Amino acid sequence: MDWNKHKESAWTFISFLPETIKRTSIWIIISYLIPVINIAIIWGIRGDFNWDLSTLSILLVTNACFITSLLFLIDKKREITSVLNTISLVVSIVLFAFSIAQVEINMLIFPIYIYKSGAFVTLAVSLFVGLVSKYDEVEARSLIRAEKGRAKKETTVDNKKIEL
């Protein structure tokens, strides 16, 4: 494994993050807008702003749907991202299924903190993978090289300095 290459790729991703966020923000907002509205309605009706099973299950199923769409957008060469996305999908589906079962049989299967942790971890993973899916490393490296090229004032050809 070439750690220098991974380090350079990570640095390129971080430096290109603002552009990637611009590209993905509308897509992510639209994907999560309806669930956020539903959770806000539930909280408004109850007057209680706690994360319970009904609100967490909305978040879990939304994460599962978002992650499922990412399966088709991720470059298969990004193996770590694909594996992370698949694990996150399985976790969100399993937790959602158990949350539905727990509500229906009215019996505690897992404590609420398991659902809450799972919902927020899968949310974080889905947002990260969403950013990665819209990130184009080739384009980012080209832009960084172009920026460095614009900053150069001179170059050397055959041991002769040439002003640019």
N, C-alpha and C. Protein backbone atom coordinates (compact mmCIF):
# COMPACT_ATOMS: atom_id res chain seq x y z
N MET A 1 0.85 -1.17 0.00
CA MET A 1 0.00 0.00 0.00
C MET A 1 0.90 1.24 0.00
N ASP A 2 0.66 2.13 -0.91
CA ASP A 2 1.46 3.35 -1.04
C ASP A 2 0.85 4.46 -0.19
N TRP A 3 1.41 4.64 1.02
CA TRP A 3 0.85 5.61 1.96
C TRP A 3 1.03 7.04 1.48
N ASN A 4 2.11 7.31 0.76
CA ASN A 4 2.32 8.67 0.24
C ASN A 4 1.23 9.04 -0.76
N LYS A 5 0.84 8.08 -1.58
CA LYS A 5 -0.23 8.33 -2.55
C LYS A 5 -1.55 8.60 -1.83
N HIS A 6 -1.83 7.80 -0.79
CA HIS A 6 -3.06 7.99 -0.01
C HIS A 6 -3.05 9.33 0.73
N LYS A 7 -1.88 9.68 1.25
CA LYS A 7 -1.75 10.96 1.94
C LYS A 7 -1.99 12.12 0.97
N GLU A 8 -1.41 12.03 -0.22
CA GLU A 8 -1.62 13.08 -1.23
C GLU A 8 -3.07 13.13 -1.67
N SER A 9 -3.70 11.99 -1.84
CA SER A 9 -5.12 11.95 -2.21
C SER A 9 -5.99 12.57 -1.13
N ALA A 10 -5.69 12.25 0.13
CA ALA A 10 -6.46 12.81 1.24
C ALA A 10 -6.29 14.33 1.29
N TRP A 11 -5.08 14.80 1.11
CA TRP A 11 -4.83 16.25 1.14
C TRP A 11 -5.56 16.94 -0.02
N THR A 12 -5.55 16.32 -1.20
CA THR A 12 -6.25 16.88 -2.35
C THR A 12 -7.74 16.95 -2.07
N PHE A 13 -8.31 15.88 -1.46
CA PHE A 13 -9.72 15.86 -1.12
C PHE A 13 -10.06 16.99 -0.15
N ILE A 14 -9.24 17.15 0.88
CA ILE A 14 -9.49 18.18 1.89
C ILE A 14 -9.39 19.57 1.27
N SER A 15 -8.39 19.78 0.42
CA SER A 15 -8.24 21.12 -0.17
C SER A 15 -9.34 21.43 -1.18
N PHE A 16 -9.94 20.40 -1.75
CA PHE A 16 -11.01 20.59 -2.74
C PHE A 16 -12.39 20.48 -2.09
N LEU A 17 -12.44 20.31 -0.76
CA LEU A 17 -13.69 20.11 -0.04
C LEU A 17 -14.71 21.22 -0.23
N PRO A 18 -14.33 22.51 -0.19
CA PRO A 18 -15.35 23.54 -0.40
C PRO A 18 -16.06 23.41 -1.76
N GLU A 19 -15.33 23.10 -2.79
CA GLU A 19 -15.94 22.92 -4.12
C GLU A 19 -16.86 21.69 -4.13
N THR A 20 -16.43 20.63 -3.49
CA THR A 20 -17.24 19.41 -3.42
C THR A 20 -18.52 19.66 -2.63
N ILE A 21 -18.41 20.41 -1.53
CA ILE A 21 -19.61 20.74 -0.74
C ILE A 21 -20.58 21.56 -1.56
N LYS A 22 -20.06 22.49 -2.36
CA LYS A 22 -20.95 23.29 -3.23
C LYS A 22 -21.72 22.39 -4.19
N ARG A 23 -21.02 21.40 -4.74
CA ARG A 23 -21.65 20.49 -5.69
C ARG A 23 -22.71 19.59 -5.06
N THR A 24 -22.51 19.21 -3.81
CA THR A 24 -23.41 18.24 -3.19
C THR A 24 -24.46 18.84 -2.28
N SER A 25 -24.33 20.10 -1.91
CA SER A 25 -25.22 20.66 -0.89
C SER A 25 -26.70 20.62 -1.30
N ILE A 26 -27.02 21.01 -2.51
CA ILE A 26 -28.43 21.00 -2.95
C ILE A 26 -28.97 19.57 -2.95
N TRP A 27 -28.18 18.64 -3.44
CA TRP A 27 -28.58 17.23 -3.52
C TRP A 27 -28.85 16.68 -2.12
N ILE A 28 -27.97 16.97 -1.17
CA ILE A 28 -28.14 16.47 0.20
C ILE A 28 -29.32 17.16 0.88
N ILE A 29 -29.46 18.46 0.68
CA ILE A 29 -30.59 19.19 1.28
C ILE A 29 -31.91 18.63 0.76
N ILE A 30 -32.02 18.41 -0.52
CA ILE A 30 -33.26 17.86 -1.09
C ILE A 30 -33.52 16.46 -0.56
N SER A 31 -32.46 15.65 -0.42
CA SER A 31 -32.62 14.27 0.07
C SER A 31 -33.12 14.22 1.51
N TYR A 32 -32.67 15.15 2.33
CA TYR A 32 -33.02 15.12 3.75
C TYR A 32 -34.09 16.13 4.14
N LEU A 33 -34.61 16.91 3.21
CA LEU A 33 -35.58 17.95 3.55
C LEU A 33 -36.90 17.36 4.06
N ILE A 34 -37.47 16.42 3.36
CA ILE A 34 -38.76 15.84 3.77
C ILE A 34 -38.65 15.14 5.13
N PRO A 35 -37.63 14.32 5.39
CA PRO A 35 -37.52 13.72 6.72
C PRO A 35 -37.36 14.76 7.83
N VAL A 36 -36.60 15.82 7.57
CA VAL A 36 -36.43 16.87 8.58
C VAL A 36 -37.78 17.54 8.85
N ILE A 37 -38.55 17.78 7.81
CA ILE A 37 -39.89 18.37 7.98
C ILE A 37 -40.77 17.41 8.79
N ASN A 38 -40.73 16.12 8.48
CA ASN A 38 -41.53 15.14 9.22
C ASN A 38 -41.15 15.11 10.70
N ILE A 39 -39.86 15.11 10.98
CA ILE A 39 -39.41 15.10 12.37
C ILE A 39 -39.83 16.39 13.08
N ALA A 40 -39.73 17.51 12.38
CA ALA A 40 -40.14 18.79 12.97
C ALA A 40 -41.64 18.80 13.26
N ILE A 41 -42.44 18.21 12.38
CA ILE A 41 -43.89 18.12 12.61
C ILE A 41 -44.17 17.27 13.84
N ILE A 42 -43.50 16.13 13.95
CA ILE A 42 -43.70 15.26 15.12
C ILE A 42 -43.33 16.00 16.40
N TRP A 43 -42.18 16.66 16.38
CA TRP A 43 -41.75 17.42 17.56
C TRP A 43 -42.72 18.56 17.86
N GLY A 44 -43.23 19.22 16.82
CA GLY A 44 -44.17 20.32 17.02
C GLY A 44 -45.48 19.85 17.62
N ILE A 45 -45.99 18.72 17.16
CA ILE A 45 -47.24 18.17 17.68
C ILE A 45 -47.07 17.77 19.14
N ARG A 46 -45.97 17.14 19.45
CA ARG A 46 -45.74 16.67 20.82
C ARG A 46 -45.30 17.80 21.76
N GLY A 47 -44.64 18.79 21.18
CA GLY A 47 -44.05 19.83 22.02
C GLY A 47 -42.84 19.30 22.77
N ASP A 48 -42.34 18.17 22.33
CA ASP A 48 -41.23 17.48 22.98
C ASP A 48 -40.12 17.28 21.95
N PHE A 49 -38.97 17.83 22.21
CA PHE A 49 -37.89 17.77 21.24
C PHE A 49 -36.86 16.70 21.59
N ASN A 50 -37.33 15.50 21.83
CA ASN A 50 -36.45 14.37 22.14
C ASN A 50 -36.37 13.42 20.96
N TRP A 51 -35.22 12.76 20.86
CA TRP A 51 -35.07 11.73 19.84
C TRP A 51 -35.64 10.43 20.40
N ASP A 52 -36.78 10.02 19.88
CA ASP A 52 -37.36 8.75 20.28
C ASP A 52 -37.35 7.81 19.09
N LEU A 53 -37.94 6.67 19.25
CA LEU A 53 -37.89 5.65 18.20
C LEU A 53 -38.57 6.08 16.91
N SER A 54 -39.66 6.83 16.99
CA SER A 54 -40.36 7.23 15.77
C SER A 54 -39.53 8.22 14.96
N THR A 55 -38.86 9.16 15.64
CA THR A 55 -38.03 10.13 14.90
C THR A 55 -36.74 9.48 14.42
N LEU A 56 -36.16 8.62 15.24
CA LEU A 56 -34.92 7.94 14.82
C LEU A 56 -35.16 6.99 13.65
N SER A 57 -36.33 6.34 13.62
CA SER A 57 -36.62 5.43 12.51
C SER A 57 -36.76 6.20 11.20
N ILE A 58 -37.28 7.42 11.26
CA ILE A 58 -37.35 8.26 10.05
C ILE A 58 -35.94 8.55 9.55
N LEU A 59 -35.06 8.90 10.46
CA LEU A 59 -33.67 9.18 10.09
C LEU A 59 -32.98 7.93 9.56
N LEU A 60 -33.22 6.79 10.20
CA LEU A 60 -32.59 5.54 9.75
C LEU A 60 -33.04 5.14 8.35
N VAL A 61 -34.34 5.23 8.08
CA VAL A 61 -34.82 4.83 6.75
C VAL A 61 -34.35 5.82 5.68
N THR A 62 -34.25 7.09 6.02
CA THR A 62 -33.74 8.07 5.07
C THR A 62 -32.28 7.80 4.77
N ASN A 63 -31.50 7.49 5.82
CA ASN A 63 -30.11 7.14 5.60
C ASN A 63 -29.99 5.91 4.69
N ALA A 64 -30.83 4.91 4.93
CA ALA A 64 -30.79 3.70 4.11
C ALA A 64 -31.09 4.02 2.65
N CYS A 65 -32.07 4.85 2.40
CA CYS A 65 -32.42 5.23 1.02
C CYS A 65 -31.29 6.03 0.37
N PHE A 66 -30.74 6.97 1.11
CA PHE A 66 -29.65 7.79 0.58
C PHE A 66 -28.43 6.92 0.28
N ILE A 67 -28.09 6.02 1.20
CA ILE A 67 -26.94 5.14 1.01
C ILE A 67 -27.17 4.20 -0.17
N THR A 68 -28.40 3.73 -0.34
CA THR A 68 -28.70 2.87 -1.49
C THR A 68 -28.44 3.60 -2.80
N SER A 69 -28.83 4.86 -2.87
CA SER A 69 -28.56 5.62 -4.10
C SER A 69 -27.07 5.81 -4.32
N LEU A 70 -26.32 5.90 -3.23
CA LEU A 70 -24.87 6.07 -3.35
C LEU A 70 -24.19 4.82 -3.89
N LEU A 71 -24.78 3.66 -3.67
CA LEU A 71 -24.19 2.43 -4.20
C LEU A 71 -24.01 2.50 -5.71
N PHE A 72 -24.90 3.21 -6.38
CA PHE A 72 -24.82 3.30 -7.83
C PHE A 72 -23.96 4.47 -8.29
N LEU A 73 -23.63 5.38 -7.39
CA LEU A 73 -22.84 6.55 -7.76
C LEU A 73 -21.35 6.40 -7.46
N ILE A 74 -21.02 5.50 -6.55
CA ILE A 74 -19.63 5.36 -6.11
C ILE A 74 -18.82 4.63 -7.18
N ASP A 75 -17.64 5.18 -7.42
CA ASP A 75 -16.69 4.53 -8.30
C ASP A 75 -16.24 3.23 -7.62
N LYS A 76 -16.37 2.12 -8.30
CA LYS A 76 -16.05 0.81 -7.71
C LYS A 76 -14.57 0.69 -7.37
N LYS A 77 -13.73 1.55 -7.93
CA LYS A 77 -12.30 1.52 -7.61
C LYS A 77 -12.04 2.04 -6.20
N ARG A 78 -12.96 2.78 -5.67
CA ARG A 78 -12.84 3.28 -4.30
C ARG A 78 -13.37 2.21 -3.34
N GLU A 79 -12.54 1.20 -3.14
CA GLU A 79 -12.97 0.01 -2.39
C GLU A 79 -13.34 0.33 -0.94
N ILE A 80 -12.53 1.14 -0.28
CA ILE A 80 -12.79 1.45 1.13
C ILE A 80 -14.13 2.16 1.27
N THR A 81 -14.39 3.09 0.37
CA THR A 81 -15.65 3.83 0.40
C THR A 81 -16.82 2.90 0.13
N SER A 82 -16.66 1.99 -0.82
CA SER A 82 -17.74 1.03 -1.13
C SER A 82 -18.04 0.13 0.05
N VAL A 83 -17.01 -0.36 0.71
CA VAL A 83 -17.20 -1.24 1.86
C VAL A 83 -17.86 -0.46 3.00
N LEU A 84 -17.36 0.75 3.26
CA LEU A 84 -17.94 1.60 4.31
C LEU A 84 -19.41 1.89 4.02
N ASN A 85 -19.73 2.16 2.77
CA ASN A 85 -21.11 2.43 2.37
C ASN A 85 -21.99 1.20 2.56
N THR A 86 -21.49 0.04 2.19
CA THR A 86 -22.27 -1.20 2.32
C THR A 86 -22.52 -1.54 3.79
N ILE A 87 -21.49 -1.40 4.62
CA ILE A 87 -21.66 -1.67 6.05
C ILE A 87 -22.68 -0.70 6.65
N SER A 88 -22.58 0.56 6.27
CA SER A 88 -23.51 1.57 6.76
C SER A 88 -24.94 1.25 6.33
N LEU A 89 -25.10 0.79 5.11
CA LEU A 89 -26.43 0.41 4.61
C LEU A 89 -27.01 -0.74 5.43
N VAL A 90 -26.21 -1.76 5.67
CA VAL A 90 -26.67 -2.91 6.44
C VAL A 90 -27.06 -2.48 7.86
N VAL A 91 -26.22 -1.66 8.49
CA VAL A 91 -26.51 -1.19 9.86
C VAL A 91 -27.82 -0.41 9.89
N SER A 92 -27.99 0.52 8.95
CA SER A 92 -29.22 1.34 8.97
C SER A 92 -30.46 0.50 8.70
N ILE A 93 -30.38 -0.46 7.80
CA ILE A 93 -31.54 -1.32 7.51
C ILE A 93 -31.88 -2.20 8.70
N VAL A 94 -30.85 -2.80 9.30
CA VAL A 94 -31.09 -3.68 10.46
C VAL A 94 -31.68 -2.89 11.62
N LEU A 95 -31.11 -1.73 11.92
CA LEU A 95 -31.65 -0.92 13.01
C LEU A 95 -33.06 -0.44 12.72
N PHE A 96 -33.33 -0.07 11.46
CA PHE A 96 -34.68 0.34 11.10
C PHE A 96 -35.66 -0.82 11.29
N ALA A 97 -35.27 -2.02 10.84
CA ALA A 97 -36.15 -3.19 10.98
C ALA A 97 -36.44 -3.48 12.45
N PHE A 98 -35.39 -3.43 13.28
CA PHE A 98 -35.60 -3.66 14.71
C PHE A 98 -36.44 -2.56 15.35
N SER A 99 -36.27 -1.33 14.89
CA SER A 99 -37.08 -0.25 15.47
C SER A 99 -38.56 -0.44 15.14
N ILE A 100 -38.85 -0.87 13.93
CA ILE A 100 -40.25 -1.14 13.55
C ILE A 100 -40.79 -2.30 14.38
N ALA A 101 -39.99 -3.37 14.52
CA ALA A 101 -40.42 -4.52 15.32
C ALA A 101 -40.64 -4.11 16.77
N GLN A 102 -39.75 -3.30 17.29
CA GLN A 102 -39.87 -2.86 18.69
C GLN A 102 -41.15 -2.06 18.91
N VAL A 103 -41.50 -1.21 17.95
CA VAL A 103 -42.74 -0.44 18.08
C VAL A 103 -43.96 -1.35 17.97
N GLU A 104 -43.92 -2.28 17.04
CA GLU A 104 -45.08 -3.14 16.80
C GLU A 104 -45.34 -4.12 17.94
N ILE A 105 -44.29 -4.72 18.49
CA ILE A 105 -44.52 -5.69 19.57
C ILE A 105 -44.46 -5.03 20.94
N ASN A 106 -44.14 -3.74 20.94
CA ASN A 106 -44.11 -2.95 22.17
C ASN A 106 -43.22 -3.60 23.23
N MET A 107 -42.03 -4.00 22.76
CA MET A 107 -41.07 -4.64 23.66
C MET A 107 -39.68 -4.08 23.36
N LEU A 108 -38.90 -3.85 24.39
CA LEU A 108 -37.56 -3.31 24.23
C LEU A 108 -36.63 -4.37 23.64
N ILE A 109 -36.10 -4.08 22.45
CA ILE A 109 -35.13 -4.97 21.82
C ILE A 109 -33.73 -4.43 22.07
N PHE A 110 -33.54 -3.17 21.73
CA PHE A 110 -32.28 -2.47 22.00
C PHE A 110 -32.60 -1.19 22.75
N PRO A 111 -31.68 -0.72 23.57
CA PRO A 111 -31.89 0.59 24.21
C PRO A 111 -31.87 1.69 23.15
N ILE A 112 -32.50 2.81 23.47
CA ILE A 112 -32.65 3.91 22.52
C ILE A 112 -31.30 4.45 22.05
N TYR A 113 -30.28 4.41 22.92
CA TYR A 113 -28.98 4.96 22.52
C TYR A 113 -28.35 4.17 21.37
N ILE A 114 -28.69 2.89 21.22
CA ILE A 114 -28.18 2.09 20.09
C ILE A 114 -28.76 2.64 18.79
N TYR A 115 -30.06 2.89 18.77
CA TYR A 115 -30.70 3.45 17.58
C TYR A 115 -30.18 4.85 17.29
N LYS A 116 -30.04 5.64 18.34
CA LYS A 116 -29.57 7.02 18.17
C LYS A 116 -28.14 7.04 17.62
N SER A 117 -27.27 6.23 18.23
CA SER A 117 -25.89 6.17 17.75
C SER A 117 -25.84 5.67 16.31
N GLY A 118 -26.58 4.62 16.02
CA GLY A 118 -26.61 4.08 14.67
C GLY A 118 -27.13 5.07 13.66
N ALA A 119 -28.18 5.80 14.02
CA ALA A 119 -28.76 6.79 13.10
C ALA A 119 -27.76 7.90 12.78
N PHE A 120 -27.09 8.40 13.81
CA PHE A 120 -26.17 9.51 13.57
C PHE A 120 -24.85 9.07 12.94
N VAL A 121 -24.40 7.86 13.25
CA VAL A 121 -23.19 7.35 12.59
C VAL A 121 -23.47 7.09 11.11
N THR A 122 -24.60 6.46 10.81
CA THR A 122 -24.92 6.21 9.40
C THR A 122 -25.21 7.51 8.65
N LEU A 123 -25.75 8.51 9.34
CA LEU A 123 -25.92 9.83 8.73
C LEU A 123 -24.56 10.43 8.37
N ALA A 124 -23.62 10.37 9.30
CA ALA A 124 -22.28 10.91 9.04
C ALA A 124 -21.60 10.17 7.89
N VAL A 125 -21.72 8.85 7.90
CA VAL A 125 -21.11 8.06 6.83
C VAL A 125 -21.77 8.38 5.49
N SER A 126 -23.08 8.48 5.48
CA SER A 126 -23.78 8.77 4.22
C SER A 126 -23.40 10.15 3.68
N LEU A 127 -23.25 11.14 4.56
CA LEU A 127 -22.83 12.47 4.10
C LEU A 127 -21.40 12.43 3.57
N PHE A 128 -20.53 11.72 4.27
CA PHE A 128 -19.14 11.59 3.81
C PHE A 128 -19.07 10.89 2.46
N VAL A 129 -19.78 9.78 2.33
CA VAL A 129 -19.76 9.03 1.07
C VAL A 129 -20.43 9.85 -0.04
N GLY A 130 -21.44 10.63 0.31
CA GLY A 130 -22.05 11.52 -0.67
C GLY A 130 -21.05 12.54 -1.19
N LEU A 131 -20.24 13.10 -0.30
CA LEU A 131 -19.20 14.03 -0.73
C LEU A 131 -18.17 13.32 -1.62
N VAL A 132 -17.76 12.14 -1.21
CA VAL A 132 -16.77 11.39 -1.98
C VAL A 132 -17.31 11.03 -3.36
N SER A 133 -18.60 10.71 -3.44
CA SER A 133 -19.18 10.31 -4.73
C SER A 133 -19.19 11.46 -5.73
N LYS A 134 -19.28 12.68 -5.24
CA LYS A 134 -19.29 13.85 -6.13
C LYS A 134 -17.89 14.43 -6.34
N TYR A 135 -16.90 13.90 -5.64
CA TYR A 135 -15.54 14.40 -5.72
C TYR A 135 -14.84 13.76 -6.91
N ASP A 136 -14.22 14.57 -7.73
CA ASP A 136 -13.47 14.10 -8.89
C ASP A 136 -12.00 14.40 -8.66
N GLU A 137 -11.24 13.37 -8.31
CA GLU A 137 -9.84 13.56 -7.95
C GLU A 137 -9.01 14.06 -9.13
N VAL A 138 -9.30 13.56 -10.31
CA VAL A 138 -8.55 14.00 -11.49
C VAL A 138 -8.75 15.50 -11.72
N GLU A 139 -10.00 15.93 -11.64
CA GLU A 139 -10.29 17.35 -11.82
C GLU A 139 -9.65 18.19 -10.72
N ALA A 140 -9.71 17.71 -9.50
CA ALA A 140 -9.12 18.44 -8.38
C ALA A 140 -7.62 18.60 -8.55
N ARG A 141 -6.94 17.52 -8.94
CA ARG A 141 -5.49 17.61 -9.15
C ARG A 141 -5.16 18.54 -10.32
N SER A 142 -5.97 18.50 -11.36
CA SER A 142 -5.75 19.40 -12.49
C SER A 142 -5.89 20.86 -12.07
N LEU A 143 -6.91 21.15 -11.28
CA LEU A 143 -7.10 22.52 -10.80
C LEU A 143 -5.96 22.98 -9.89
N ILE A 144 -5.47 22.09 -9.05
CA ILE A 144 -4.35 22.43 -8.17
C ILE A 144 -3.09 22.69 -9.00
N ARG A 145 -2.83 21.84 -10.01
CA ARG A 145 -1.67 22.06 -10.89
C ARG A 145 -1.80 23.36 -11.66
N ALA A 146 -3.01 23.65 -12.12
CA ALA A 146 -3.24 24.90 -12.87
C ALA A 146 -3.00 26.11 -11.97
N GLU A 147 -3.44 26.01 -10.72
CA GLU A 147 -3.24 27.11 -9.76
C GLU A 147 -1.75 27.32 -9.50
N LYS A 148 -1.01 26.23 -9.33
CA LYS A 148 0.44 26.33 -9.13
C LYS A 148 1.11 26.91 -10.38
N GLY A 149 0.62 26.51 -11.55
CA GLY A 149 1.18 27.02 -12.81
C GLY A 149 0.95 28.52 -12.97
N ARG A 150 -0.20 28.98 -12.57
CA ARG A 150 -0.50 30.42 -12.65
C ARG A 150 0.39 31.23 -11.72
N ALA A 151 0.78 30.63 -10.62
CA ALA A 151 1.59 31.34 -9.63
C ALA A 151 3.06 31.46 -10.06
N LYS A 152 3.48 30.60 -10.98
CA LYS A 152 4.88 30.65 -11.42
C LYS A 152 5.14 31.89 -12.26
N LYS A 153 6.26 32.51 -11.98
CA LYS A 153 6.67 33.72 -12.71
C LYS A 153 7.78 33.42 -13.70
N GLU A 154 8.49 32.31 -13.48
CA GLU A 154 9.58 31.96 -14.39
C GLU A 154 9.76 30.45 -14.40
N THR A 155 10.45 29.96 -15.41
CA THR A 155 10.76 28.54 -15.54
C THR A 155 12.15 28.41 -16.14
N THR A 156 12.67 27.21 -16.15
CA THR A 156 14.00 26.98 -16.69
C THR A 156 13.90 25.97 -17.83
N VAL A 157 14.50 26.31 -18.96
CA VAL A 157 14.57 25.42 -20.12
C VAL A 157 16.02 25.41 -20.57
N ASP A 158 16.61 24.22 -20.66
CA ASP A 158 18.02 24.08 -21.05
C ASP A 158 18.92 24.99 -20.22
N ASN A 159 18.72 24.98 -18.91
CA ASN A 159 19.49 25.79 -17.96
C ASN A 159 19.38 27.29 -18.19
N LYS A 160 18.36 27.75 -18.88
CA LYS A 160 18.12 29.18 -19.10
C LYS A 160 16.81 29.54 -18.43
N LYS A 161 16.84 30.63 -17.65
CA LYS A 161 15.63 31.11 -16.99
C LYS A 161 14.79 31.89 -18.01
N ILE A 162 13.51 31.57 -18.02
CA ILE A 162 12.58 32.25 -18.92
C ILE A 162 11.46 32.83 -18.08
N GLU A 163 11.19 34.13 -18.26
CA GLU A 163 10.11 34.79 -17.53
C GLU A 163 8.78 34.43 -18.19
N LEU A 164 7.80 34.22 -17.38
CA LEU A 164 6.46 33.87 -17.91
C LEU A 164 5.53 35.05 -17.81
